[in-house]
Amino acid sequence: MIGPPVLNRLGDLGVIPVVVIDDPSRAAALGSALLLGGLPCAEVTLRTDTALESLRALAENPDLLVGAGTVLRPAQVEAALRSGARYIVSPGFSASVVSECQRSGVPVLPGVATATEIQAALEAGLEAVKFFPAEASGGLAALKALAAPFRGLRFVPTGGITADGLATYLAEPSVLAVGGSWLVSANMLAAQDFVRITQLSAAAVQIVRRAREAADA
């Protein structure tokens, strides 16, 4: 059973590349670029017709921790797991998706933006959720306000966050990791600019390192 160690690993990394990829032939090179940048993980969103194929190609690399994002229905959970996903992410809270993930023994990060959704996640026995869309929902101030009554719950803020805001989010104790689409943009993939992806990943890794050092000081 895939369990908390996967979420712990995401927490250790501190930042999760969120990927929309429509050309599976570029997945292997993308994985190599992320690894070269010191960021061995990726959340492949199921927003394209070939997303599962791309997920499968990335998951073939044993050094990558690959998850499936934008999971909307229970049937997508099984398809994602067959393709090699080791964690599931949803844009909102779906009791049926969460239940299917728990039945399958895979960690799930459902999206929440309200206290009601957080309570539903707690009632489902979850210890971590996705705060989405982070910036559009009020950013760090909103996250702090939501986290205050729910001590012990961890958040993965995602949506509209850039490298400039990464350290600020990581300084919030309730944040497990940050989802970042800036690390792998559609334009970079279209141009096959894997060097840039490696550079951005390496820069993010350094931001995480400095943020952790500052927190421990």
Protein backbone atom coordinates (compact mmCIF):
# COMPACT_ATOMS: atom_id res chain seq x y z
CA MET A 1 0.00 0.00 0.00
CA ILE A 2 1.23 3.48 -0.87
CA GLY A 3 0.98 5.49 2.31
CA PRO A 4 2.19 8.57 4.18
CA PRO A 5 5.83 8.13 3.05
CA VAL A 6 4.81 9.51 -0.35
CA LEU A 7 3.39 12.67 1.22
CA ASN A 8 6.43 12.89 3.49
CA ARG A 9 8.64 12.76 0.41
CA LEU A 10 6.68 15.59 -1.20
CA GLY A 11 7.10 17.53 2.02
CA ASP A 12 10.84 16.94 1.96
CA LEU A 13 11.05 18.25 -1.60
CA GLY A 14 8.97 21.33 -0.74
CA VAL A 15 7.89 22.09 -4.31
CA ILE A 16 5.96 20.01 -6.84
CA PRO A 17 6.15 20.74 -10.58
CA VAL A 18 2.59 20.82 -11.95
CA VAL A 19 2.67 19.71 -15.57
CA VAL A 20 0.23 20.02 -18.48
CA ILE A 21 1.77 17.98 -21.29
CA ASP A 22 0.13 17.10 -24.59
CA ASP A 23 3.04 15.34 -26.30
CA PRO A 24 4.09 12.09 -24.58
CA SER A 25 7.24 11.94 -26.71
CA ARG A 26 8.63 14.78 -24.60
CA ALA A 27 7.90 13.17 -21.25
CA ALA A 28 11.19 11.31 -20.87
CA ALA A 29 13.22 14.45 -21.61
CA LEU A 30 11.06 16.39 -19.16
CA GLY A 31 11.77 13.82 -16.45
CA SER A 32 15.49 14.05 -17.10
CA ALA A 33 15.36 17.85 -16.95
CA LEU A 34 13.60 17.78 -13.58
CA LEU A 35 16.09 15.27 -12.20
CA LEU A 36 19.04 17.34 -13.42
CA GLY A 37 17.55 20.28 -11.55
CA GLY A 38 17.36 18.21 -8.37
CA LEU A 39 13.56 17.95 -8.37
CA PRO A 40 12.60 14.27 -8.76
CA CYS A 41 8.83 14.63 -8.87
CA ALA A 42 5.98 15.76 -11.09
CA GLU A 43 2.22 16.12 -10.94
CA VAL A 44 0.83 15.33 -14.39
CA THR A 45 -2.58 16.94 -14.75
CA LEU A 46 -5.21 14.96 -16.63
CA ARG A 47 -6.10 17.92 -18.81
CA THR A 48 -5.04 16.49 -22.16
CA ASP A 49 -6.11 13.43 -24.12
CA THR A 50 -2.63 11.93 -23.83
CA ALA A 51 -1.96 12.81 -20.19
CA LEU A 52 -2.01 9.21 -18.99
CA GLU A 53 0.46 8.22 -21.68
CA SER A 54 2.77 11.01 -20.57
CA LEU A 55 2.31 10.01 -16.94
CA ARG A 56 3.23 6.44 -17.83
CA ALA A 57 6.38 7.57 -19.62
CA LEU A 58 7.50 9.66 -16.65
CA ALA A 59 6.67 6.92 -14.16
CA GLU A 60 8.93 4.50 -16.02
CA ASN A 61 11.85 6.42 -14.53
CA PRO A 62 12.32 4.86 -11.06
CA ASP A 63 13.94 8.05 -9.77
CA LEU A 64 10.79 10.13 -10.30
CA LEU A 65 7.84 10.39 -7.91
CA VAL A 66 4.91 10.93 -10.26
CA GLY A 67 1.34 11.81 -9.37
CA ALA A 68 -1.86 12.48 -11.28
CA GLY A 69 -3.59 15.84 -11.00
CA THR A 70 -7.00 17.12 -12.07
CA VAL A 71 -8.59 13.81 -11.08
CA LEU A 72 -12.32 14.47 -11.17
CA ARG A 73 -13.97 11.03 -11.10
CA PRO A 74 -13.36 7.74 -9.28
CA ALA A 75 -12.71 5.88 -12.54
CA GLN A 76 -9.76 8.15 -13.23
CA VAL A 77 -8.08 6.97 -10.04
CA GLU A 78 -7.72 3.41 -11.29
CA ALA A 79 -6.54 4.61 -14.71
CA ALA A 80 -3.93 6.85 -13.10
CA LEU A 81 -2.67 4.08 -10.85
CA ARG A 82 -2.36 1.71 -13.80
CA SER A 83 -0.25 4.38 -15.49
CA GLY A 84 2.11 4.60 -12.52
CA ALA A 85 0.74 7.45 -10.41
CA ARG A 86 1.80 7.25 -6.78
CA TYR A 87 -0.47 10.00 -5.48
CA ILE A 88 -3.68 11.66 -6.63
CA VAL A 89 -4.59 15.37 -6.68
CA SER A 90 -8.04 16.86 -7.30
CA PRO A 91 -9.01 20.51 -7.88
CA GLY A 92 -11.89 20.20 -5.39
CA PHE A 93 -13.18 17.90 -2.67
CA SER A 94 -14.98 14.84 -4.05
CA ALA A 95 -16.03 12.29 -1.44
CA SER A 96 -16.21 9.58 -4.10
CA VAL A 97 -12.71 10.27 -5.41
CA VAL A 98 -11.29 10.35 -1.88
CA SER A 99 -13.07 7.10 -1.03
CA GLU A 100 -11.71 5.41 -4.16
CA CYS A 101 -8.18 6.55 -3.34
CA GLN A 102 -8.47 5.23 0.20
CA ARG A 103 -9.85 1.94 -1.09
CA SER A 104 -6.88 1.71 -3.45
CA GLY A 105 -4.38 2.73 -0.77
CA VAL A 106 -3.06 5.78 -2.62
CA PRO A 107 -2.51 9.21 -1.01
CA VAL A 108 -4.93 11.88 -2.18
CA LEU A 109 -4.75 15.67 -1.97
CA PRO A 110 -8.23 17.05 -2.66
CA GLY A 111 -8.57 20.74 -3.36
CA VAL A 112 -10.12 22.95 -0.69
CA ALA A 113 -10.80 26.67 -0.50
CA THR A 114 -13.30 26.87 2.38
CA ALA A 115 -13.59 25.75 5.99
CA THR A 116 -16.52 23.51 5.01
CA GLU A 117 -14.38 21.64 2.50
CA ILE A 118 -11.59 21.29 5.04
CA GLN A 119 -14.00 19.79 7.56
CA ALA A 120 -15.15 17.31 4.94
CA ALA A 121 -11.53 16.34 4.37
CA LEU A 122 -10.97 15.88 8.08
CA GLU A 123 -14.10 13.76 8.37
CA ALA A 124 -12.66 11.58 5.60
CA GLY A 125 -9.55 11.06 7.71
CA LEU A 126 -7.15 13.11 5.61
CA GLU A 127 -4.07 14.80 7.03
CA ALA A 128 -3.16 16.92 4.00
CA VAL A 129 -5.09 18.81 1.34
CA LYS A 130 -4.47 21.05 -1.65
CA PHE A 131 -5.30 24.75 -1.23
CA PHE A 132 -6.59 25.71 -4.66
CA PRO A 133 -6.63 28.07 -6.44
CA ALA A 134 -4.23 29.57 -3.94
CA GLU A 135 -3.64 33.09 -5.19
CA ALA A 136 -7.16 33.60 -6.53
CA SER A 137 -8.56 32.43 -3.18
CA GLY A 138 -6.72 35.08 -1.20
CA GLY A 139 -3.16 33.80 -1.17
CA LEU A 140 -1.12 33.29 1.96
CA ALA A 141 -3.37 35.45 4.14
CA ALA A 142 -6.38 33.29 3.31
CA LEU A 143 -4.38 30.10 3.85
CA LYS A 144 -3.26 31.24 7.30
CA ALA A 145 -6.82 32.13 8.26
CA LEU A 146 -8.12 28.75 7.10
CA ALA A 147 -5.29 26.80 8.73
CA ALA A 148 -5.69 28.43 12.14
CA PRO A 149 -8.70 26.39 13.37
CA PHE A 150 -7.40 23.14 11.89
CA ARG A 151 -4.18 22.46 13.75
CA GLY A 152 -2.15 19.58 12.36
CA LEU A 153 -3.63 19.69 8.87
CA ARG A 154 -1.06 20.30 6.13
CA PHE A 155 -1.66 22.21 2.92
CA VAL A 156 -0.23 22.15 -0.60
CA PRO A 157 -1.05 25.61 -1.99
CA THR A 158 -1.28 25.55 -5.78
CA GLY A 159 -2.46 28.00 -8.40
CA GLY A 160 -0.93 31.30 -9.42
CA ILE A 161 2.15 30.92 -7.23
CA THR A 162 5.50 31.92 -8.73
CA ALA A 163 9.12 31.52 -7.71
CA ASP A 164 8.92 34.92 -6.02
CA GLY A 165 6.26 33.67 -3.60
CA LEU A 166 7.68 30.22 -2.92
CA ALA A 167 9.74 31.09 0.16
CA THR A 168 6.88 33.06 1.73
CA TYR A 169 4.51 30.13 1.45
CA LEU A 170 7.11 27.68 2.75
CA ALA A 171 7.60 29.86 5.84
CA GLU A 172 4.02 29.06 6.87
CA PRO A 173 4.20 26.00 9.20
CA SER A 174 0.99 24.47 7.85
CA VAL A 175 2.41 24.25 4.30
CA LEU A 176 3.63 20.78 3.34
CA ALA A 177 4.81 21.74 -0.13
CA VAL A 178 3.95 24.17 -2.91
CA GLY A 179 2.58 23.23 -6.32
CA GLY A 180 4.29 25.16 -9.09
CA SER A 181 3.21 25.40 -12.72
CA TRP A 182 5.91 28.01 -13.41
CA LEU A 183 8.52 25.25 -13.41
CA VAL A 184 7.16 23.58 -16.56
CA SER A 185 5.17 25.94 -18.76
CA ALA A 186 3.38 24.97 -21.96
CA ASN A 187 5.70 27.28 -23.88
CA MET A 188 8.80 25.56 -22.52
CA LEU A 189 7.46 22.15 -23.50
CA ALA A 190 6.42 23.35 -26.94
CA ALA A 191 9.91 24.79 -27.50
CA GLN A 192 11.52 21.74 -25.88
CA ASP A 193 13.43 24.13 -23.66
CA PHE A 194 14.47 21.49 -21.17
CA VAL A 195 17.54 23.48 -20.15
CA ARG A 196 15.24 26.22 -18.83
CA ILE A 197 13.17 23.65 -16.94
CA THR A 198 16.34 22.35 -15.30
CA GLN A 199 17.40 25.90 -14.39
CA LEU A 200 14.03 26.76 -12.85
CA SER A 201 13.97 23.48 -10.94
CA ALA A 202 17.45 24.04 -9.55
CA ALA A 203 16.50 27.57 -8.51
CA ALA A 204 13.39 26.28 -6.74
CA VAL A 205 15.43 23.66 -4.91
CA GLN A 206 17.73 26.41 -3.63
CA ILE A 207 14.77 28.51 -2.49
CA VAL A 208 13.42 25.54 -0.55
CA ARG A 209 16.82 24.89 1.00
CA ARG A 210 17.23 28.51 2.12
CA ALA A 211 13.66 28.63 3.45
CA ARG A 212 14.25 25.50 5.53
CA GLU A 213 17.54 26.84 6.85
CA ALA A 214 15.86 30.08 7.85
CA ALA A 215 13.08 28.18 9.62
CA ASP A 216 15.64 26.13 11.56
CA ALA A 217 17.75 29.14 12.52
